[in-house]
């Protein structure tokens, strides 16, 4: 199944905790269902605000865009986003060792 990168840029300040909770409530089931593979925040740097990145899979770009349209962040207008086809070329065989205990692991159910 094709992979996509979801590039998210917050508008203004990072989202309030209430919106973060709604986002997580939407996101974690998408991991369990197998749509999302990896997600996380990107720190602000000069010239670029705090943002986020996710890798997901869907049948098509249109399906990926429809999937992320349900994210409370996007529905609330708290961020600008872009869904981009992603083709992995190389990966570390020990990729799990890069993520510490503070990274939530969600078991896929499908």
Protein backbone atom coordinates (compact mmCIF):
# COMPACT_ATOMS: atom_id res chain seq x y z
CA UNK A 1 0.00 0.00 0.00
CA UNK A 2 1.37 3.47 -0.85
CA UNK A 3 2.93 5.61 1.89
CA UNK A 4 2.43 9.33 2.47
CA UNK A 5 4.09 11.99 4.58
CA UNK A 6 1.77 14.34 6.41
CA UNK A 7 3.48 17.70 6.94
CA UNK A 8 1.77 19.89 9.52
CA UNK A 9 2.56 23.49 10.42
CA UNK A 10 0.81 25.03 13.41
CA UNK A 11 -0.85 28.39 12.95
CA UNK A 12 0.27 30.63 15.81
CA UNK A 13 0.94 28.86 19.08
CA UNK A 14 0.94 25.06 19.35
CA UNK A 15 -2.60 23.74 19.96
CA UNK A 16 -4.21 23.95 23.40
CA UNK A 17 -4.21 20.82 25.57
CA UNK A 18 -7.93 20.22 24.94
CA UNK A 19 -7.35 20.14 21.19
CA UNK A 20 -4.26 17.93 21.67
CA UNK A 21 -6.41 15.46 23.61
CA UNK A 22 -9.01 15.42 20.82
CA UNK A 23 -6.23 14.92 18.27
CA UNK A 24 -4.76 11.98 20.21
CA UNK A 25 -8.23 10.50 20.61
CA UNK A 26 -8.58 10.59 16.83
CA UNK A 27 -4.98 9.55 16.03
CA UNK A 28 -4.39 6.49 18.23
CA UNK A 29 -7.22 4.44 16.66
CA UNK A 30 -5.72 5.22 13.23
CA UNK A 31 -2.48 3.61 14.43
CA UNK A 32 -4.41 0.59 15.72
CA UNK A 33 -6.21 0.28 12.37
CA UNK A 34 -2.88 0.38 10.54
CA UNK A 35 -3.28 3.69 8.71
CA UNK A 36 -0.61 5.61 10.62
CA UNK A 37 2.93 4.29 11.03
CA UNK A 38 4.84 7.10 12.77
CA UNK A 39 4.09 10.59 14.01
CA UNK A 40 5.69 13.29 16.09
CA UNK A 41 6.44 16.94 16.62
CA UNK A 42 9.12 19.03 14.98
CA UNK A 43 10.68 21.75 17.13
CA UNK A 44 10.54 25.37 16.01
CA UNK A 45 13.69 26.72 14.43
CA UNK A 46 14.44 30.21 13.09
CA UNK A 47 12.19 30.80 10.12
CA UNK A 48 10.02 27.73 10.77
CA UNK A 49 7.37 27.41 13.48
CA UNK A 50 6.68 24.31 15.56
CA UNK A 51 5.23 21.65 13.32
CA UNK A 52 4.67 17.91 13.01
CA UNK A 53 5.35 15.01 10.69
CA UNK A 54 3.53 11.71 10.24
CA UNK A 55 3.95 8.74 7.93
CA UNK A 56 0.74 6.98 6.94
CA UNK A 57 -0.50 4.51 4.38
CA UNK A 58 -3.58 4.70 2.17
CA UNK A 59 -4.76 3.35 -1.17
CA UNK A 60 -4.32 6.72 -2.89
CA UNK A 61 -3.44 10.36 -2.31
CA UNK A 62 -7.16 11.18 -2.28
CA UNK A 63 -7.76 8.52 0.39
CA UNK A 64 -4.85 9.86 2.47
CA UNK A 65 -6.19 13.40 2.22
CA UNK A 66 -9.68 12.23 3.17
CA UNK A 67 -8.26 10.37 6.17
CA UNK A 68 -6.37 13.35 7.58
CA UNK A 69 -9.32 15.69 6.97
CA UNK A 70 -10.90 14.10 10.04
CA UNK A 71 -8.08 15.17 12.36
CA UNK A 72 -9.40 17.63 14.96
CA UNK A 73 -6.32 19.86 14.39
CA UNK A 74 -7.25 20.22 10.74
CA UNK A 75 -10.98 20.55 11.37
CA UNK A 76 -10.32 23.32 13.91
CA UNK A 77 -8.08 25.20 11.48
CA UNK A 78 -5.20 25.03 14.00
CA UNK A 79 -2.71 24.03 11.34
CA UNK A 80 -1.89 24.05 7.68
CA UNK A 81 -1.10 20.65 6.25
CA UNK A 82 0.13 18.90 3.16
CA UNK A 83 -0.08 15.22 2.23
CA UNK A 84 2.82 14.13 0.03
CA UNK A 85 3.51 10.70 -1.53
CA UNK A 86 6.50 9.12 0.23
CA UNK A 87 8.77 6.46 -1.23
CA UNK A 88 11.18 4.99 1.32
CA UNK A 89 14.55 4.07 -0.13
CA UNK A 90 16.67 3.10 2.86
CA UNK A 91 15.93 2.25 6.51
CA UNK A 92 17.98 1.25 9.50
CA UNK A 93 17.54 -2.41 10.42
CA UNK A 94 17.44 -1.41 14.08
CA UNK A 95 14.91 1.41 13.68
CA UNK A 96 13.17 0.61 16.98
CA UNK A 97 16.35 1.45 18.91
CA UNK A 98 16.00 5.12 17.91
CA UNK A 99 12.84 5.56 19.96
CA UNK A 100 13.01 5.81 23.73
CA UNK A 101 10.53 4.82 26.39
CA UNK A 102 8.82 8.20 26.05
CA UNK A 103 7.61 7.23 22.56
CA UNK A 104 4.15 5.68 22.69
CA UNK A 105 3.89 2.38 20.82
CA UNK A 106 0.44 1.46 19.53
CA UNK A 107 -0.20 -2.14 18.53
CA UNK A 108 -1.91 -2.57 15.20
CA UNK A 109 -5.09 -4.60 15.32
CA UNK A 110 -5.42 -5.04 11.57
